[in-house]
């Protein structure tokens, strides 16, 4: 158990790939990125050389402090700013960022930039070469630091943890950035676009 307490806590990435998205009729000129970049009370297996192997969940309230204290410093980027086309360019300013019962919800009006028009919108819409709109081919992700956590080593197998892996519950996170990604780690959250 001591090795678990030494698991990395900073510059961690977690991503979610999205549900089918709703594309609303264009009645204004500002497309807005929206969705949830994390889901509360959802166990996910983490299996990486950097962090080790365990399951973790984030609880309601984990983002309250970082949203209140760090919102002005947060960035919204494509693929955590590592994509060679987008680079570290911001996608837009954060208009809405709040915790909801299911997870942290965001709305980001997209900047009038060529990378948003030419690359991001077609991927968020699932726009095919013939103009057909399907659904997003992207998910959502976030980069963070764990500031409060609890570890448990289970003694019994459960439906969510049949292998009795160590369990990490994250009570508080310091958020650095979030946004759409090509290869998310989890299944539940969303990155969509709509026109307001």
C-alpha atoms as a PDB file:
ATOM      1  CA  UNK A   1       0.000   0.000   0.000  1.00  0.00           C
ATOM      2  CA  UNK A   2       2.900   2.379   0.564  1.00  0.00           C
ATOM      3  CA  UNK A   3       3.718   2.186  -3.164  1.00  0.00           C
ATOM      4  CA  UNK A   4       0.205   3.468  -3.900  1.00  0.00           C
ATOM      5  CA  UNK A   5       0.683   6.506  -1.730  1.00  0.00           C
ATOM      6  CA  UNK A   6       3.736   7.254  -3.859  1.00  0.00           C
ATOM      7  CA  UNK A   7       1.789   7.146  -7.155  1.00  0.00           C
ATOM      8  CA  UNK A   8       2.284  10.285  -9.284  1.00  0.00           C
ATOM      9  CA  UNK A   9      -0.159  13.085  -8.526  1.00  0.00           C
ATOM     10  CA  UNK A  10       0.793  15.869 -10.970  1.00  0.00           C
ATOM     11  CA  UNK A  11       0.413  16.433 -14.716  1.00  0.00           C
ATOM     12  CA  UNK A  12      -2.010  13.504 -15.073  1.00  0.00           C
ATOM     13  CA  UNK A  13      -4.325  13.036 -18.051  1.00  0.00           C
ATOM     14  CA  UNK A  14      -7.790  11.475 -18.126  1.00  0.00           C
ATOM     15  CA  UNK A  15     -10.061  11.437 -21.119  1.00  0.00           C
ATOM     16  CA  UNK A  16     -13.535  10.352 -22.055  1.00  0.00           C
ATOM     17  CA  UNK A  17     -14.926   9.582 -25.460  1.00  0.00           C
ATOM     18  CA  UNK A  18     -18.262  10.951 -26.326  1.00  0.00           C
ATOM     19  CA  UNK A  19     -21.809   9.962 -26.843  1.00  0.00           C
ATOM     20  CA  UNK A  20     -23.531  10.798 -30.138  1.00  0.00           C
ATOM     21  CA  UNK A  21     -23.774  14.565 -30.344  1.00  0.00           C
ATOM     22  CA  UNK A  22     -26.629  16.878 -31.138  1.00  0.00           C
ATOM     23  CA  UNK A  23     -25.872  19.482 -33.787  1.00  0.00           C
ATOM     24  CA  UNK A  24     -28.266  22.367 -33.522  1.00  0.00           C
ATOM     25  CA  UNK A  25     -29.343  24.448 -36.508  1.00  0.00           C
ATOM     26  CA  UNK A  26     -27.069  27.399 -37.159  1.00  0.00           C
ATOM     27  CA  UNK A  27     -29.069  30.393 -35.977  1.00  0.00           C
ATOM     28  CA  UNK A  28     -26.025  32.419 -34.969  1.00  0.00           C
ATOM     29  CA  UNK A  29     -22.422  32.659 -36.050  1.00  0.00           C
ATOM     30  CA  UNK A  30     -20.587  31.412 -32.939  1.00  0.00           C
ATOM     31  CA  UNK A  31     -20.175  27.638 -32.690  1.00  0.00           C
ATOM     32  CA  UNK A  32     -19.805  26.598 -29.051  1.00  0.00           C
ATOM     33  CA  UNK A  33     -17.916  23.583 -27.740  1.00  0.00           C
ATOM     34  CA  UNK A  34     -19.776  21.942 -24.841  1.00  0.00           C
ATOM     35  CA  UNK A  35     -19.959  18.793 -22.777  1.00  0.00           C
ATOM     36  CA  UNK A  36     -18.566  17.068 -19.700  1.00  0.00           C
ATOM     37  CA  UNK A  37     -14.834  16.304 -19.554  1.00  0.00           C
ATOM     38  CA  UNK A  38     -15.103  13.969 -16.546  1.00  0.00           C
ATOM     39  CA  UNK A  39     -17.844  11.912 -14.916  1.00  0.00           C
ATOM     40  CA  UNK A  40     -18.347  11.645 -11.175  1.00  0.00           C
ATOM     41  CA  UNK A  41     -18.599   8.297  -9.375  1.00  0.00           C
ATOM     42  CA  UNK A  42     -17.468   6.330 -12.433  1.00  0.00           C
ATOM     43  CA  UNK A  43     -14.741   3.780 -11.755  1.00  0.00           C
ATOM     44  CA  UNK A  44     -12.029   3.585 -14.410  1.00  0.00           C
ATOM     45  CA  UNK A  45      -9.024   1.314 -14.598  1.00  0.00           C
ATOM     46  CA  UNK A  46      -5.669   3.075 -14.818  1.00  0.00           C
ATOM     47  CA  UNK A  47      -2.898   0.876 -16.184  1.00  0.00           C
ATOM     48  CA  UNK A  48       0.237   2.770 -17.125  1.00  0.00           C
ATOM     49  CA  UNK A  49       3.978   2.528 -16.695  1.00  0.00           C
ATOM     50  CA  UNK A  50       3.981   6.041 -15.210  1.00  0.00           C
ATOM     51  CA  UNK A  51       1.174   5.596 -12.646  1.00  0.00           C
ATOM     52  CA  UNK A  52       0.797   1.860 -12.068  1.00  0.00           C
ATOM     53  CA  UNK A  53      -2.365  -0.250 -12.134  1.00  0.00           C
ATOM     54  CA  UNK A  54      -5.425   0.581 -10.034  1.00  0.00           C
ATOM     55  CA  UNK A  55      -8.984   1.841 -10.382  1.00  0.00           C
ATOM     56  CA  UNK A  56     -10.079   5.371  -9.608  1.00  0.00           C
ATOM     57  CA  UNK A  57     -13.098   7.610  -9.431  1.00  0.00           C
ATOM     58  CA  UNK A  58     -13.643  11.321  -8.932  1.00  0.00           C
ATOM     59  CA  UNK A  59     -16.383  12.536  -6.581  1.00  0.00           C
ATOM     60  CA  UNK A  60     -18.781  15.474  -6.752  1.00  0.00           C
ATOM     61  CA  UNK A  61     -17.068  18.548  -5.331  1.00  0.00           C
ATOM     62  CA  UNK A  62     -13.574  17.635  -6.574  1.00  0.00           C
ATOM     63  CA  UNK A  63     -13.496  20.605  -8.996  1.00  0.00           C
ATOM     64  CA  UNK A  64     -15.207  23.208  -6.804  1.00  0.00           C
ATOM     65  CA  UNK A  65     -12.006  24.813  -5.488  1.00  0.00           C
ATOM     66  CA  UNK A  66     -10.115  24.853  -8.804  1.00  0.00           C
ATOM     67  CA  UNK A  67     -13.105  26.336 -10.656  1.00  0.00           C
ATOM     68  CA  UNK A  68     -13.444  29.094  -8.037  1.00  0.00           C
ATOM     69  CA  UNK A  69      -9.732  29.859  -7.721  1.00  0.00           C
ATOM     70  CA  UNK A  70      -8.154  29.021 -11.096  1.00  0.00           C
ATOM     71  CA  UNK A  71     -10.843  29.541 -13.745  1.00  0.00           C
ATOM     72  CA  UNK A  72      -9.078  32.569 -15.260  1.00  0.00           C
ATOM     73  CA  UNK A  73      -5.879  30.570 -15.804  1.00  0.00           C
ATOM     74  CA  UNK A  74      -7.501  27.493 -17.393  1.00  0.00           C
ATOM     75  CA  UNK A  75      -7.050  26.796 -21.104  1.00  0.00           C
ATOM     76  CA  UNK A  76      -9.121  24.841 -23.586  1.00  0.00           C
ATOM     77  CA  UNK A  77      -6.906  23.051 -26.126  1.00  0.00           C
ATOM     78  CA  UNK A  78      -7.080  20.281 -28.680  1.00  0.00           C
ATOM     79  CA  UNK A  79      -5.198  17.114 -27.633  1.00  0.00           C
ATOM     80  CA  UNK A  80      -3.740  18.877 -24.563  1.00  0.00           C
ATOM     81  CA  UNK A  81      -1.805  21.275 -26.814  1.00  0.00           C
ATOM     82  CA  UNK A  82       0.388  18.477 -28.205  1.00  0.00           C
ATOM     83  CA  UNK A  83      -1.114  18.237 -31.717  1.00  0.00           C
ATOM     84  CA  UNK A  84       1.349  19.370 -34.397  1.00  0.00           C
ATOM     85  CA  UNK A  85      -1.330  21.314 -36.327  1.00  0.00           C
ATOM     86  CA  UNK A  86      -3.061  23.065 -33.404  1.00  0.00           C
ATOM     87  CA  UNK A  87      -0.010  23.369 -31.185  1.00  0.00           C
ATOM     88  CA  UNK A  88      -0.821  25.113 -27.915  1.00  0.00           C
ATOM     89  CA  UNK A  89      -3.401  27.425 -29.537  1.00  0.00           C
ATOM     90  CA  UNK A  90      -6.475  28.015 -27.364  1.00  0.00           C
ATOM     91  CA  UNK A  91      -9.790  26.945 -28.900  1.00  0.00           C
ATOM     92  CA  UNK A  92     -11.785  29.699 -27.196  1.00  0.00           C
ATOM     93  CA  UNK A  93     -12.587  31.431 -23.907  1.00  0.00           C
ATOM     94  CA  UNK A  94     -14.438  29.553 -21.185  1.00  0.00           C
ATOM     95  CA  UNK A  95     -17.975  30.909 -20.977  1.00  0.00           C
ATOM     96  CA  UNK A  96     -19.491  28.299 -18.626  1.00  0.00           C
ATOM     97  CA  UNK A  97     -17.642  25.973 -16.257  1.00  0.00           C
ATOM     98  CA  UNK A  98     -19.487  24.362 -13.372  1.00  0.00           C
ATOM     99  CA  UNK A  99     -19.964  21.116 -11.533  1.00  0.00           C
ATOM    100  CA  UNK A 100     -23.190  19.269 -12.277  1.00  0.00           C
ATOM    101  CA  UNK A 101     -24.382  16.053 -10.654  1.00  0.00           C
ATOM    102  CA  UNK A 102     -22.879  13.941 -13.445  1.00  0.00           C
ATOM    103  CA  UNK A 103     -19.580  15.822 -13.858  1.00  0.00           C
ATOM    104  CA  UNK A 104     -17.912  19.155 -14.702  1.00  0.00           C
ATOM    105  CA  UNK A 105     -19.816  20.883 -17.539  1.00  0.00           C
ATOM    106  CA  UNK A 106     -18.306  23.441 -19.931  1.00  0.00           C
ATOM    107  CA  UNK A 107     -19.304  25.779 -22.761  1.00  0.00           C
ATOM    108  CA  UNK A 108     -16.583  27.408 -24.863  1.00  0.00           C
ATOM    109  CA  UNK A 109     -17.410  29.717 -27.804  1.00  0.00           C
ATOM    110  CA  UNK A 110     -14.853  28.888 -30.495  1.00  0.00           C
ATOM    111  CA  UNK A 111     -12.418  31.525 -31.726  1.00  0.00           C
ATOM    112  CA  UNK A 112     -12.711  32.648 -35.351  1.00  0.00           C
ATOM    113  CA  UNK A 113      -9.469  30.886 -36.284  1.00  0.00           C
ATOM    114  CA  UNK A 114      -8.571  28.738 -39.290  1.00  0.00           C
ATOM    115  CA  UNK A 115      -7.686  25.731 -37.105  1.00  0.00           C
ATOM    116  CA  UNK A 116     -11.209  25.753 -35.622  1.00  0.00           C
ATOM    117  CA  UNK A 117     -12.915  26.147 -39.028  1.00  0.00           C
ATOM    118  CA  UNK A 118     -10.737  23.713 -40.983  1.00  0.00           C
ATOM    119  CA  UNK A 119      -9.982  20.987 -38.443  1.00  0.00           C
ATOM    120  CA  UNK A 120     -11.938  21.156 -35.209  1.00  0.00           C
ATOM    121  CA  UNK A 121     -15.489  21.737 -36.487  1.00  0.00           C
ATOM    122  CA  UNK A 122     -15.454  18.860 -39.018  1.00  0.00           C
ATOM    123  CA  UNK A 123     -14.182  16.464 -36.314  1.00  0.00           C
ATOM    124  CA  UNK A 124     -16.739  17.649 -33.748  1.00  0.00           C
ATOM    125  CA  UNK A 125     -19.564  17.397 -36.277  1.00  0.00           C
ATOM    126  CA  UNK A 126     -18.374  14.157 -37.829  1.00  0.00           C
ATOM    127  CA  UNK A 127     -18.643  15.951 -41.174  1.00  0.00           C
ATOM    128  CA  UNK A 128     -17.862  13.630 -44.091  1.00  0.00           C
ATOM    129  CA  UNK A 129     -16.332  14.716 -47.407  1.00  0.00           C
ATOM    130  CA  UNK A 130     -19.802  14.736 -49.025  1.00  0.00           C
ATOM    131  CA  UNK A 131     -21.058  17.156 -46.339  1.00  0.00           C
ATOM    132  CA  UNK A 132     -23.034  14.550 -44.377  1.00  0.00           C
ATOM    133  CA  UNK A 133     -23.054  15.204 -40.623  1.00  0.00           C
ATOM    134  CA  UNK A 134     -22.758  12.036 -38.509  1.00  0.00           C
ATOM    135  CA  UNK A 135     -21.500  12.471 -34.925  1.00  0.00           C
ATOM    136  CA  UNK A 136     -18.279  13.574 -33.280  1.00  0.00           C
ATOM    137  CA  UNK A 137     -15.190  11.462 -33.770  1.00  0.00           C
ATOM    138  CA  UNK A 138     -13.589  13.103 -30.724  1.00  0.00           C
ATOM    139  CA  UNK A 139     -13.822  12.680 -27.000  1.00  0.00           C
ATOM    140  CA  UNK A 140     -12.973  14.973 -24.095  1.00  0.00           C
ATOM    141  CA  UNK A 141     -10.027  14.967 -21.727  1.00  0.00           C
ATOM    142  CA  UNK A 142      -8.445  17.009 -18.965  1.00  0.00           C
ATOM    143  CA  UNK A 143      -5.016  17.493 -17.381  1.00  0.00           C
ATOM    144  CA  UNK A 144      -4.813  17.866 -13.615  1.00  0.00           C
ATOM    145  CA  UNK A 145      -3.015  17.450 -10.307  1.00  0.00           C
ATOM    146  CA  UNK A 146      -4.494  15.375  -7.476  1.00  0.00           C
ATOM    147  CA  UNK A 147      -4.651  17.457  -4.294  1.00  0.00           C
ATOM    148  CA  UNK A 148      -6.845  15.237  -2.076  1.00  0.00           C
ATOM    149  CA  UNK A 149      -7.221  11.478  -2.406  1.00  0.00           C
ATOM    150  CA  UNK A 150      -8.020   8.292  -0.505  1.00  0.00           C
ATOM    151  CA  UNK A 151      -6.686   4.801  -1.216  1.00  0.00           C
ATOM    152  CA  UNK A 152      -8.275   1.493  -0.272  1.00  0.00           C
ATOM    153  CA  UNK A 153      -6.945  -2.014  -0.841  1.00  0.00           C
ATOM    154  CA  UNK A 154     -10.106  -4.140  -1.169  1.00  0.00           C
ATOM    155  CA  UNK A 155     -10.270  -7.596   0.357  1.00  0.00           C
ATOM    156  CA  UNK A 156     -13.316  -8.755  -1.644  1.00  0.00           C
ATOM    157  CA  UNK A 157     -14.007  -8.723  -5.384  1.00  0.00           C
ATOM    158  CA  UNK A 158     -16.902  -6.513  -6.531  1.00  0.00           C
ATOM    159  CA  UNK A 159     -18.744  -6.000  -9.825  1.00  0.00           C
ATOM    160  CA  UNK A 160     -16.752  -2.802 -10.483  1.00  0.00           C
ATOM    161  CA  UNK A 161     -13.469  -4.285  -9.203  1.00  0.00           C
ATOM    162  CA  UNK A 162     -13.423  -8.068  -9.837  1.00  0.00           C
ATOM    163  CA  UNK A 163      -9.591  -8.198  -9.620  1.00  0.00           C
ATOM    164  CA  UNK A 164      -9.427  -6.422  -6.246  1.00  0.00           C
ATOM    165  CA  UNK A 165      -7.172  -3.693  -7.639  1.00  0.00           C
ATOM    166  CA  UNK A 166      -6.231  -0.815  -5.336  1.00  0.00           C
ATOM    167  CA  UNK A 167      -8.965   1.854  -5.353  1.00  0.00           C
ATOM    168  CA  UNK A 168      -8.239   5.574  -5.513  1.00  0.00           C
ATOM    169  CA  UNK A 169     -10.978   8.093  -4.757  1.00  0.00           C
ATOM    170  CA  UNK A 170     -10.065  11.617  -5.844  1.00  0.00           C
ATOM    171  CA  UNK A 171     -11.675  14.194  -3.563  1.00  0.00           C
ATOM    172  CA  UNK A 172     -10.010  17.290  -5.035  1.00  0.00           C
ATOM    173  CA  UNK A 173      -8.233  18.125  -8.297  1.00  0.00           C
ATOM    174  CA  UNK A 174      -6.350  21.158  -9.522  1.00  0.00           C
ATOM    175  CA  UNK A 175      -7.309  21.522 -13.178  1.00  0.00           C
ATOM    176  CA  UNK A 176      -4.778  22.811 -15.757  1.00  0.00           C
ATOM    177  CA  UNK A 177      -6.636  22.463 -19.052  1.00  0.00           C
ATOM    178  CA  UNK A 178      -9.315  20.468 -20.858  1.00  0.00           C
ATOM    179  CA  UNK A 179     -10.712  19.972 -24.336  1.00  0.00           C
ATOM    180  CA  UNK A 180     -11.372  17.566 -27.190  1.00  0.00           C
ATOM    181  CA  UNK A 181      -8.950  14.718 -27.937  1.00  0.00           C
ATOM    182  CA  UNK A 182      -8.576  12.015 -30.577  1.00  0.00           C
ATOM    183  CA  UNK A 183      -7.801   9.168 -28.159  1.00  0.00           C
ATOM    184  CA  UNK A 184      -9.690   9.512 -24.880  1.00  0.00           C
ATOM    185  CA  UNK A 185      -9.179   7.075 -22.017  1.00  0.00           C
ATOM    186  CA  UNK A 186     -12.751   6.594 -20.806  1.00  0.00           C
ATOM    187  CA  UNK A 187     -16.194   6.180 -22.387  1.00  0.00           C
ATOM    188  CA  UNK A 188     -18.715   8.420 -20.641  1.00  0.00           C
ATOM    189  CA  UNK A 189     -18.123  12.163 -21.286  1.00  0.00           C
ATOM    190  CA  UNK A 190     -18.736  14.444 -24.239  1.00  0.00           C
ATOM    191  CA  UNK A 191     -17.282  17.048 -26.555  1.00  0.00           C
ATOM    192  CA  UNK A 192     -19.869  18.523 -28.904  1.00  0.00           C
ATOM    193  CA  UNK A 193     -20.475  21.670 -30.899  1.00  0.00           C
ATOM    194  CA  UNK A 194     -23.570  23.750 -31.373  1.00  0.00           C
ATOM    195  CA  UNK A 195     -24.460  27.158 -32.676  1.00  0.00           C
ATOM    196  CA  UNK A 196     -26.080  29.398 -30.115  1.00  0.00           C
END
